[in-house]
Amino acid sequence: REFVCAITWDGSGTSYADSVKDRFTISRDRAKNTVYLQMNS
């Protein structure tokens, strides 16, 4: 199992694996209690 990305509790900070940087985006909607991973390319 390998790390892809992560996000802080409030969404202010993110980290990405080099292999997905600039292609994937992590985000979270705290009002909906949901975390998203947008994967492009």
All heavy atoms as atom14 arrays in JSON, in Angstrom:
{
  "sequence": "REFVCAITWDGSGTSYADSVKDRFTISRDRAKNTVYLQMNS",
  "atom14_mask": [
    [1, 1, 1, 1, 1, 1, 1, 1, 1, 1, 1, 0, 0, 0],
    [1, 1, 1, 1, 1, 1, 1, 1, 1, 0, 0, 0, 0, 0],
    [1, 1, 1, 1, 1, 1, 1, 1, 1, 1, 1, 0, 0, 0],
    [1, 1, 1, 1, 1, 1, 1, 0, 0, 0, 0, 0, 0, 0],
    [1, 1, 1, 1, 1, 1, 0, 0, 0, 0, 0, 0, 0, 0],
    [1, 1, 1, 1, 1, 0, 0, 0, 0, 0, 0, 0, 0, 0],
    [1, 1, 1, 1, 1, 1, 1, 1, 0, 0, 0, 0, 0, 0],
    [1, 1, 1, 1, 1, 1, 1, 0, 0, 0, 0, 0, 0, 0],
    [1, 1, 1, 1, 1, 1, 1, 1, 1, 1, 1, 1, 1, 1],
    [1, 1, 1, 1, 1, 1, 1, 1, 0, 0, 0, 0, 0, 0],
    [1, 1, 1, 1, 0, 0, 0, 0, 0, 0, 0, 0, 0, 0],
    [1, 1, 1, 1, 1, 1, 0, 0, 0, 0, 0, 0, 0, 0],
    [1, 1, 1, 1, 0, 0, 0, 0, 0, 0, 0, 0, 0, 0],
    [1, 1, 1, 1, 1, 1, 1, 0, 0, 0, 0, 0, 0, 0],
    [1, 1, 1, 1, 1, 1, 0, 0, 0, 0, 0, 0, 0, 0],
    [1, 1, 1, 1, 1, 1, 1, 1, 1, 1, 1, 1, 0, 0],
    [1, 1, 1, 1, 1, 0, 0, 0, 0, 0, 0, 0, 0, 0],
    [1, 1, 1, 1, 1, 1, 1, 1, 0, 0, 0, 0, 0, 0],
    [1, 1, 1, 1, 1, 1, 0, 0, 0, 0, 0, 0, 0, 0],
    [1, 1, 1, 1, 1, 1, 1, 0, 0, 0, 0, 0, 0, 0],
    [1, 1, 1, 1, 1, 1, 1, 1, 1, 0, 0, 0, 0, 0],
    [1, 1, 1, 1, 1, 1, 1, 1, 0, 0, 0, 0, 0, 0],
    [1, 1, 1, 1, 1, 1, 1, 1, 1, 1, 1, 0, 0, 0],
    [1, 1, 1, 1, 1, 1, 1, 1, 1, 1, 1, 0, 0, 0],
    [1, 1, 1, 1, 1, 1, 1, 0, 0, 0, 0, 0, 0, 0],
    [1, 1, 1, 1, 1, 1, 1, 1, 0, 0, 0, 0, 0, 0],
    [1, 1, 1, 1, 1, 1, 0, 0, 0, 0, 0, 0, 0, 0],
    [1, 1, 1, 1, 1, 1, 1, 1, 1, 1, 1, 0, 0, 0],
    [1, 1, 1, 1, 1, 1, 1, 1, 0, 0, 0, 0, 0, 0],
    [1, 1, 1, 1, 1, 1, 1, 1, 1, 1, 1, 0, 0, 0],
    [1, 1, 1, 1, 1, 0, 0, 0, 0, 0, 0, 0, 0, 0],
    [1, 1, 1, 1, 1, 1, 1, 1, 1, 0, 0, 0, 0, 0],
    [1, 1, 1, 1, 1, 1, 1, 1, 0, 0, 0, 0, 0, 0],
    [1, 1, 1, 1, 1, 1, 1, 0, 0, 0, 0, 0, 0, 0],
    [1, 1, 1, 1, 1, 1, 1, 0, 0, 0, 0, 0, 0, 0],
    [1, 1, 1, 1, 1, 1, 1, 1, 1, 1, 1, 1, 0, 0],
    [1, 1, 1, 1, 1, 1, 1, 1, 0, 0, 0, 0, 0, 0],
    [1, 1, 1, 1, 1, 1, 1, 1, 1, 0, 0, 0, 0, 0],
    [1, 1, 1, 1, 1, 1, 1, 1, 0, 0, 0, 0, 0, 0],
    [1, 1, 1, 1, 1, 1, 1, 1, 0, 0, 0, 0, 0, 0],
    [1, 1, 1, 1, 1, 1, 0, 0, 0, 0, 0, 0, 0, 0]
  ],
  "atom14_positions": [
    [[0.84, -1.18, 0.0], [0.0, 0.0, 0.0], [0.89, 1.24, 0.0], [1.85, 1.32, 0.77], [-0.9, -0.01, 1.22], [-2.01, 1.01, 1.2], [-3.03, 0.73, 2.28], [-3.68, -0.56, 2.09], [-4.73, -0.97, 2.81], [-5.23, -0.18, 3.75], [-5.25, -2.16, 2.6], [0.0, 0.0, 0.0], [0.0, 0.0, 0.0], [0.0, 0.0, 0.0]],
    [[0.57, 2.18, -0.87], [1.42, 3.37, -0.98], [0.61, 4.65, -0.79], [-0.58, 4.72, -1.11], [2.13, 3.41, -2.34], [1.23, 3.58, -3.53], [2.0, 3.83, -4.82], [3.25, 3.93, -4.78], [1.33, 3.95, -5.87], [0.0, 0.0, 0.0], [0.0, 0.0, 0.0], [0.0, 0.0, 0.0], [0.0, 0.0, 0.0], [0.0, 0.0, 0.0]],
    [[1.3, 5.64, -0.28], [0.71, 6.96, -0.05], [0.41, 7.63, -1.39], [1.22, 7.58, -2.32], [1.69, 7.8, 0.76], [1.32, 9.25, 0.9], [0.35, 9.64, 1.8], [1.95, 10.21, 0.12], [0.01, 10.97, 1.94], [1.62, 11.55, 0.25], [0.65, 11.93, 1.17], [0.0, 0.0, 0.0], [0.0, 0.0, 0.0], [0.0, 0.0, 0.0]],
    [[-0.76, 8.27, -1.47], [-1.12, 9.06, -2.64], [-1.13, 10.54, -2.28], [-0.44, 11.34, -2.9], [-2.49, 8.63, -3.19], [-2.9, 9.52, -4.36], [-2.46, 7.16, -3.62], [0.0, 0.0, 0.0], [0.0, 0.0, 0.0], [0.0, 0.0, 0.0], [0.0, 0.0, 0.0], [0.0, 0.0, 0.0], [0.0, 0.0, 0.0], [0.0, 0.0, 0.0]],
    [[-1.92, 10.89, -1.28], [-2.01, 12.28, -0.86], [-2.72, 12.36, 0.47], [-3.33, 11.39, 0.93], [-2.73, 13.14, -1.9], [-4.38, 12.56, -2.32], [0.0, 0.0, 0.0], [0.0, 0.0, 0.0], [0.0, 0.0, 0.0], [0.0, 0.0, 0.0], [0.0, 0.0, 0.0], [0.0, 0.0, 0.0], [0.0, 0.0, 0.0], [0.0, 0.0, 0.0]],
    [[-2.64, 13.54, 1.1], [-3.29, 13.74, 2.39], [-3.64, 15.21, 2.55], [-3.08, 16.07, 1.86], [-2.39, 13.26, 3.53], [0.0, 0.0, 0.0], [0.0, 0.0, 0.0], [0.0, 0.0, 0.0], [0.0, 0.0, 0.0], [0.0, 0.0, 0.0], [0.0, 0.0, 0.0], [0.0, 0.0, 0.0], [0.0, 0.0, 0.0], [0.0, 0.0, 0.0]],
    [[-4.56, 15.46, 3.48], [-5.03, 16.82, 3.7], [-5.24, 17.02, 5.2], [-5.67, 16.12, 5.92], [-6.33, 17.07, 2.91], [-6.74, 18.54, 2.94], [-7.47, 16.17, 3.41], [-7.82, 18.89, 1.91], [0.0, 0.0, 0.0], [0.0, 0.0, 0.0], [0.0, 0.0, 0.0], [0.0, 0.0, 0.0], [0.0, 0.0, 0.0], [0.0, 0.0, 0.0]],
    [[-4.93, 18.23, 5.67], [-5.13, 18.54, 7.08], [-6.61, 18.62, 7.43], [-7.48, 18.65, 6.55], [-4.44, 19.86, 7.44], [-4.92, 20.89, 6.56], [-2.93, 19.75, 7.32], [0.0, 0.0, 0.0], [0.0, 0.0, 0.0], [0.0, 0.0, 0.0], [0.0, 0.0, 0.0], [0.0, 0.0, 0.0], [0.0, 0.0, 0.0], [0.0, 0.0, 0.0]],
    [[-6.88, 18.7, 8.72], [-8.26, 18.66, 9.18], [-9.11, 19.79, 8.59], [-10.3, 19.61, 8.33], [-8.29, 18.73, 10.71], [-7.92, 20.09, 11.25], [-6.67, 20.6, 11.44], [-8.84, 21.11, 11.64], [-6.74, 21.88, 11.93], [-8.05, 22.22, 12.07], [-10.23, 21.22, 11.69], [-8.62, 23.4, 12.53], [-10.8, 22.4, 12.15], [-10.0, 23.47, 12.56]],
    [[-8.47, 20.95, 8.36], [-9.22, 22.1, 7.87], [-8.99, 22.37, 6.4], [-9.48, 23.37, 5.86], [-8.86, 23.34, 8.68], [-7.39, 23.69, 8.59], [-6.61, 22.88, 8.05], [-7.0, 24.76, 9.08], [0.0, 0.0, 0.0], [0.0, 0.0, 0.0], [0.0, 0.0, 0.0], [0.0, 0.0, 0.0], [0.0, 0.0, 0.0], [0.0, 0.0, 0.0]],
    [[-8.22, 21.52, 5.74], [-7.96, 21.7, 4.31], [-6.89, 22.7, 3.98], [-6.64, 22.97, 2.8], [0.0, 0.0, 0.0], [0.0, 0.0, 0.0], [0.0, 0.0, 0.0], [0.0, 0.0, 0.0], [0.0, 0.0, 0.0], [0.0, 0.0, 0.0], [0.0, 0.0, 0.0], [0.0, 0.0, 0.0], [0.0, 0.0, 0.0], [0.0, 0.0, 0.0]],
    [[-6.21, 23.24, 4.98], [-5.22, 24.28, 4.73], [-3.9, 23.72, 4.23], [-3.09, 24.46, 3.65], [-4.98, 25.09, 5.99], [-4.42, 24.28, 7.01], [0.0, 0.0, 0.0], [0.0, 0.0, 0.0], [0.0, 0.0, 0.0], [0.0, 0.0, 0.0], [0.0, 0.0, 0.0], [0.0, 0.0, 0.0], [0.0, 0.0, 0.0], [0.0, 0.0, 0.0]],
    [[-3.66, 22.45, 4.44], [-2.4, 21.85, 4.02], [-2.63, 20.53, 3.31], [-3.53, 19.77, 3.65], [0.0, 0.0, 0.0], [0.0, 0.0, 0.0], [0.0, 0.0, 0.0], [0.0, 0.0, 0.0], [0.0, 0.0, 0.0], [0.0, 0.0, 0.0], [0.0, 0.0, 0.0], [0.0, 0.0, 0.0], [0.0, 0.0, 0.0], [0.0, 0.0, 0.0]],
    [[-1.81, 20.29, 2.27], [-1.9, 19.05, 1.52], [-0.5, 18.51, 1.23], [0.49, 19.25, 1.28], [-2.63, 19.23, 0.18], [-1.96, 20.24, -0.59], [-4.08, 19.65, 0.4], [0.0, 0.0, 0.0], [0.0, 0.0, 0.0], [0.0, 0.0, 0.0], [0.0, 0.0, 0.0], [0.0, 0.0, 0.0], [0.0, 0.0, 0.0], [0.0, 0.0, 0.0]],
    [[-0.43, 17.25, 0.91], [0.83, 16.62, 0.52], [0.51, 15.56, -0.52], [-0.52, 14.88, -0.44], [1.49, 15.98, 1.74], [2.7, 15.32, 1.38], [0.0, 0.0, 0.0], [0.0, 0.0, 0.0], [0.0, 0.0, 0.0], [0.0, 0.0, 0.0], [0.0, 0.0, 0.0], [0.0, 0.0, 0.0], [0.0, 0.0, 0.0], [0.0, 0.0, 0.0]],
    [[1.4, 15.44, -1.52], [1.18, 14.51, -2.61], [2.42, 13.65, -2.86], [3.56, 14.12, -2.72], [0.85, 15.26, -3.9], [-0.44, 16.03, -3.87], [-0.49, 17.34, -3.42], [-1.63, 15.43, -4.28], [-1.68, 18.05, -3.37], [-2.83, 16.13, -4.24], [-2.85, 17.43, -3.78], [-4.03, 18.12, -3.74], [0.0, 0.0, 0.0], [0.0, 0.0, 0.0]],
    [[2.19, 12.43, -3.29], [3.29, 11.63, -3.79], [3.77, 12.23, -5.11], [2.97, 12.8, -5.87], [2.83, 10.19, -4.02], [0.0, 0.0, 0.0], [0.0, 0.0, 0.0], [0.0, 0.0, 0.0], [0.0, 0.0, 0.0], [0.0, 0.0, 0.0], [0.0, 0.0, 0.0], [0.0, 0.0, 0.0], [0.0, 0.0, 0.0], [0.0, 0.0, 0.0]],
    [[5.05, 12.11, -5.38], [5.6, 12.68, -6.6], [4.91, 12.14, -7.84], [4.74, 12.85, -8.84], [7.1, 12.4, -6.68], [7.9, 13.21, -5.69], [7.37, 14.22, -5.17], [9.06, 12.83, -5.42], [0.0, 0.0, 0.0], [0.0, 0.0, 0.0], [0.0, 0.0, 0.0], [0.0, 0.0, 0.0], [0.0, 0.0, 0.0], [0.0, 0.0, 0.0]],
    [[4.49, 10.88, -7.78], [3.92, 10.23, -8.95], [2.55, 10.81, -9.34], [2.1, 10.61, -10.48], [3.79, 8.73, -8.71], [2.96, 8.47, -7.59], [0.0, 0.0, 0.0], [0.0, 0.0, 0.0], [0.0, 0.0, 0.0], [0.0, 0.0, 0.0], [0.0, 0.0, 0.0], [0.0, 0.0, 0.0], [0.0, 0.0, 0.0], [0.0, 0.0, 0.0]],
    [[1.9, 11.51, -8.42], [0.56, 12.03, -8.72], [0.51, 13.55, -8.69], [-0.53, 14.14, -9.03], [-0.5, 11.45, -7.76], [-0.46, 9.94, -7.75], [-0.34, 12.02, -6.36], [0.0, 0.0, 0.0], [0.0, 0.0, 0.0], [0.0, 0.0, 0.0], [0.0, 0.0, 0.0], [0.0, 0.0, 0.0], [0.0, 0.0, 0.0], [0.0, 0.0, 0.0]],
    [[1.59, 14.17, -8.28], [1.63, 15.62, -8.19], [1.29, 16.25, -9.53], [1.75, 15.77, -10.58], [3.01, 16.07, -7.71], [3.05, 17.42, -7.05], [4.41, 17.66, -6.42], [4.64, 16.74, -5.25], [5.93, 17.01, -4.56], [0.0, 0.0, 0.0], [0.0, 0.0, 0.0], [0.0, 0.0, 0.0], [0.0, 0.0, 0.0], [0.0, 0.0, 0.0]],
    [[0.49, 17.28, -9.51], [0.04, 18.02, -10.7], [-1.01, 17.27, -11.51], [-1.5, 17.79, -12.52], [1.22, 18.37, -11.63], [2.24, 19.26, -10.96], [1.84, 20.1, -10.13], [3.44, 19.1, -11.24], [0.0, 0.0, 0.0], [0.0, 0.0, 0.0], [0.0, 0.0, 0.0], [0.0, 0.0, 0.0], [0.0, 0.0, 0.0], [0.0, 0.0, 0.0]],
    [[-1.37, 16.06, -11.09], [-2.46, 15.32, -11.75], [-3.64, 15.08, -10.82], [-4.79, 15.1, -11.26], [-1.96, 13.98, -12.28], [-0.85, 14.09, -13.31], [-0.55, 12.73, -13.94], [-0.09, 11.75, -12.95], [-0.69, 10.58, -12.74], [-1.76, 10.23, -13.43], [-0.2, 9.74, -11.83], [0.0, 0.0, 0.0], [0.0, 0.0, 0.0], [0.0, 0.0, 0.0]],
    [[-3.35, 14.87, -9.55], [-4.38, 14.56, -8.56], [-4.55, 15.76, -7.62], [-3.58, 16.47, -7.32], [-4.0, 13.34, -7.73], [-4.03, 12.03, -8.46], [-4.16, 11.95, -9.84], [-3.92, 10.84, -7.74], [-4.17, 10.74, -10.5], [-3.94, 9.62, -8.38], [-4.06, 9.57, -9.76], [0.0, 0.0, 0.0], [0.0, 0.0, 0.0], [0.0, 0.0, 0.0]],
    [[-5.78, 15.93, -7.13], [-6.06, 16.99, -6.16], [-6.94, 16.43, -5.04], [-8.0, 15.86, -5.32], [-6.77, 18.17, -6.82], [-5.97, 18.68, -7.9], [-6.99, 19.29, -5.81], [0.0, 0.0, 0.0], [0.0, 0.0, 0.0], [0.0, 0.0, 0.0], [0.0, 0.0, 0.0], [0.0, 0.0, 0.0], [0.0, 0.0, 0.0], [0.0, 0.0, 0.0]],
    [[-6.5, 16.63, -3.82], [-7.3, 16.23, -2.67], [-7.98, 17.47, -2.11], [-7.41, 18.57, -2.09], [-6.44, 15.55, -1.59], [-7.31, 14.98, -0.47], [-5.36, 16.47, -1.05], [-6.56, 14.11, 0.54], [0.0, 0.0, 0.0], [0.0, 0.0, 0.0], [0.0, 0.0, 0.0], [0.0, 0.0, 0.0], [0.0, 0.0, 0.0], [0.0, 0.0, 0.0]],
    [[-9.21, 17.29, -1.65], [-9.95, 18.39, -1.05], [-10.93, 17.82, -0.05], [-11.16, 16.61, -0.01], [-10.68, 19.22, -2.12], [-11.63, 18.42, -2.81], [0.0, 0.0, 0.0], [0.0, 0.0, 0.0], [0.0, 0.0, 0.0], [0.0, 0.0, 0.0], [0.0, 0.0, 0.0], [0.0, 0.0, 0.0], [0.0, 0.0, 0.0], [0.0, 0.0, 0.0]],
    [[-11.49, 18.69, 0.77], [-12.5, 18.22, 1.7], [-13.57, 19.27, 1.9], [-13.28, 20.48, 1.85], [-11.86, 17.82, 3.04], [-11.31, 18.91, 3.89], [-10.51, 18.34, 5.08], [-11.31, 17.45, 5.91], [-10.79, 16.64, 6.85], [-9.48, 16.61, 7.04], [-11.56, 15.87, 7.57], [0.0, 0.0, 0.0], [0.0, 0.0, 0.0], [0.0, 0.0, 0.0]],
    [[-14.76, 18.78, 2.1], [-15.91, 19.64, 2.39], [-16.36, 19.25, 3.8], [-17.01, 18.23, 4.0], [-17.03, 19.39, 1.36], [-18.2, 20.33, 1.54], [-18.44, 20.8, 2.68], [-18.9, 20.6, 0.55], [0.0, 0.0, 0.0], [0.0, 0.0, 0.0], [0.0, 0.0, 0.0], [0.0, 0.0, 0.0], [0.0, 0.0, 0.0], [0.0, 0.0, 0.0]],
    [[-16.01, 20.08, 4.76], [-16.29, 19.74, 6.15], [-17.79, 19.77, 6.44], [-18.27, 19.03, 7.3], [-15.52, 20.66, 7.08], [-14.01, 20.51, 6.9], [-13.22, 21.35, 7.88], [-13.34, 20.83, 9.23], [-13.81, 21.53, 10.26], [-14.21, 22.77, 10.09], [-13.87, 20.99, 11.46], [0.0, 0.0, 0.0], [0.0, 0.0, 0.0], [0.0, 0.0, 0.0]],
    [[-18.5, 20.61, 5.72], [-19.95, 20.66, 5.93], [-20.62, 19.36, 5.5], [-21.63, 18.96, 6.07], [-20.54, 21.83, 5.16], [0.0, 0.0, 0.0], [0.0, 0.0, 0.0], [0.0, 0.0, 0.0], [0.0, 0.0, 0.0], [0.0, 0.0, 0.0], [0.0, 0.0, 0.0], [0.0, 0.0, 0.0], [0.0, 0.0, 0.0], [0.0, 0.0, 0.0]],
    [[-20.04, 18.69, 4.51], [-20.59, 17.43, 4.03], [-19.84, 16.23, 4.59], [-20.15, 15.09, 4.22], [-20.53, 17.38, 2.5], [-21.41, 18.42, 1.82], [-21.34, 18.27, 0.3], [-22.24, 19.3, -0.38], [-22.18, 19.18, -1.86], [0.0, 0.0, 0.0], [0.0, 0.0, 0.0], [0.0, 0.0, 0.0], [0.0, 0.0, 0.0], [0.0, 0.0, 0.0]],
    [[-18.85, 16.48, 5.43], [-18.06, 15.39, 6.02], [-17.5, 14.46, 4.95], [-17.53, 13.24, 5.08], [-18.92, 14.57, 6.99], [-19.47, 15.41, 8.12], [-18.78, 16.27, 8.65], [-20.71, 15.17, 8.48], [0.0, 0.0, 0.0], [0.0, 0.0, 0.0], [0.0, 0.0, 0.0], [0.0, 0.0, 0.0], [0.0, 0.0, 0.0], [0.0, 0.0, 0.0]],
    [[-16.99, 15.06, 3.89], [-16.52, 14.27, 2.75], [-15.16, 14.77, 2.28], [-14.92, 15.98, 2.25], [-17.53, 14.34, 1.6], [-18.8, 13.86, 2.05], [-17.08, 13.48, 0.42], [0.0, 0.0, 0.0], [0.0, 0.0, 0.0], [0.0, 0.0, 0.0], [0.0, 0.0, 0.0], [0.0, 0.0, 0.0], [0.0, 0.0, 0.0], [0.0, 0.0, 0.0]],
    [[-14.31, 13.82, 1.92], [-13.01, 14.11, 1.33], [-13.04, 13.61, -0.11], [-13.59, 12.54, -0.39], [-11.88, 13.42, 2.11], [-10.54, 13.64, 1.43], [-11.84, 13.94, 3.53], [0.0, 0.0, 0.0], [0.0, 0.0, 0.0], [0.0, 0.0, 0.0], [0.0, 0.0, 0.0], [0.0, 0.0, 0.0], [0.0, 0.0, 0.0], [0.0, 0.0, 0.0]],
    [[-12.44, 14.38, -1.0], [-12.46, 14.05, -2.42], [-11.04, 13.83, -2.95], [-10.08, 14.42, -2.44], [-13.12, 15.17, -3.22], [-14.53, 15.49, -2.79], [-14.79, 16.56, -1.93], [-15.6, 14.72, -3.23], [-16.08, 16.85, -1.52], [-16.9, 15.01, -2.83], [-17.13, 16.07, -1.98], [-18.41, 16.36, -1.58], [0.0, 0.0, 0.0], [0.0, 0.0, 0.0]],
    [[-10.95, 13.03, -3.99], [-9.71, 12.87, -4.73], [-10.05, 13.01, -6.21], [-10.65, 12.12, -6.81], [-9.06, 11.51, -4.46], [-7.77, 11.24, -5.23], [-6.71, 12.29, -4.9], [-7.24, 9.84, -4.94], [0.0, 0.0, 0.0], [0.0, 0.0, 0.0], [0.0, 0.0, 0.0], [0.0, 0.0, 0.0], [0.0, 0.0, 0.0], [0.0, 0.0, 0.0]],
    [[-9.67, 14.14, -6.77], [-9.86, 14.37, -8.2], [-8.62, 13.86, -8.93], [-7.51, 14.32, -8.65], [-10.06, 15.86, -8.48], [-10.2, 16.2, -9.96], [-11.46, 15.64, -10.58], [-12.53, 15.72, -9.99], [-11.34, 15.07, -11.77], [0.0, 0.0, 0.0], [0.0, 0.0, 0.0], [0.0, 0.0, 0.0], [0.0, 0.0, 0.0], [0.0, 0.0, 0.0]],
    [[-8.83, 12.92, -9.82], [-7.72, 12.3, -10.53], [-7.84, 12.61, -12.01], [-8.82, 12.21, -12.65], [-7.73, 10.79, -10.3], [-7.7, 10.39, -8.84], [-7.55, 8.61, -8.6], [-9.1, 8.05, -9.27], [0.0, 0.0, 0.0], [0.0, 0.0, 0.0], [0.0, 0.0, 0.0], [0.0, 0.0, 0.0], [0.0, 0.0, 0.0], [0.0, 0.0, 0.0]],
    [[-6.87, 13.33, -12.54], [-6.83, 13.69, -13.95], [-5.64, 13.02, -14.63], [-4.71, 12.58, -13.97], [-6.75, 15.2, -14.11], [-7.93, 15.93, -13.51], [-9.06, 15.44, -13.5], [-7.69, 17.13, -13.0], [0.0, 0.0, 0.0], [0.0, 0.0, 0.0], [0.0, 0.0, 0.0], [0.0, 0.0, 0.0], [0.0, 0.0, 0.0], [0.0, 0.0, 0.0]],
    [[-5.68, 12.99, -15.95], [-4.57, 12.42, -16.74], [-4.18, 11.05, -16.22], [-3.0, 10.75, -16.03], [-3.37, 13.37, -16.71], [-3.72, 14.64, -17.21], [0.0, 0.0, 0.0], [0.0, 0.0, 0.0], [0.0, 0.0, 0.0], [0.0, 0.0, 0.0], [0.0, 0.0, 0.0], [0.0, 0.0, 0.0], [0.0, 0.0, 0.0], [0.0, 0.0, 0.0]]
  ]
}
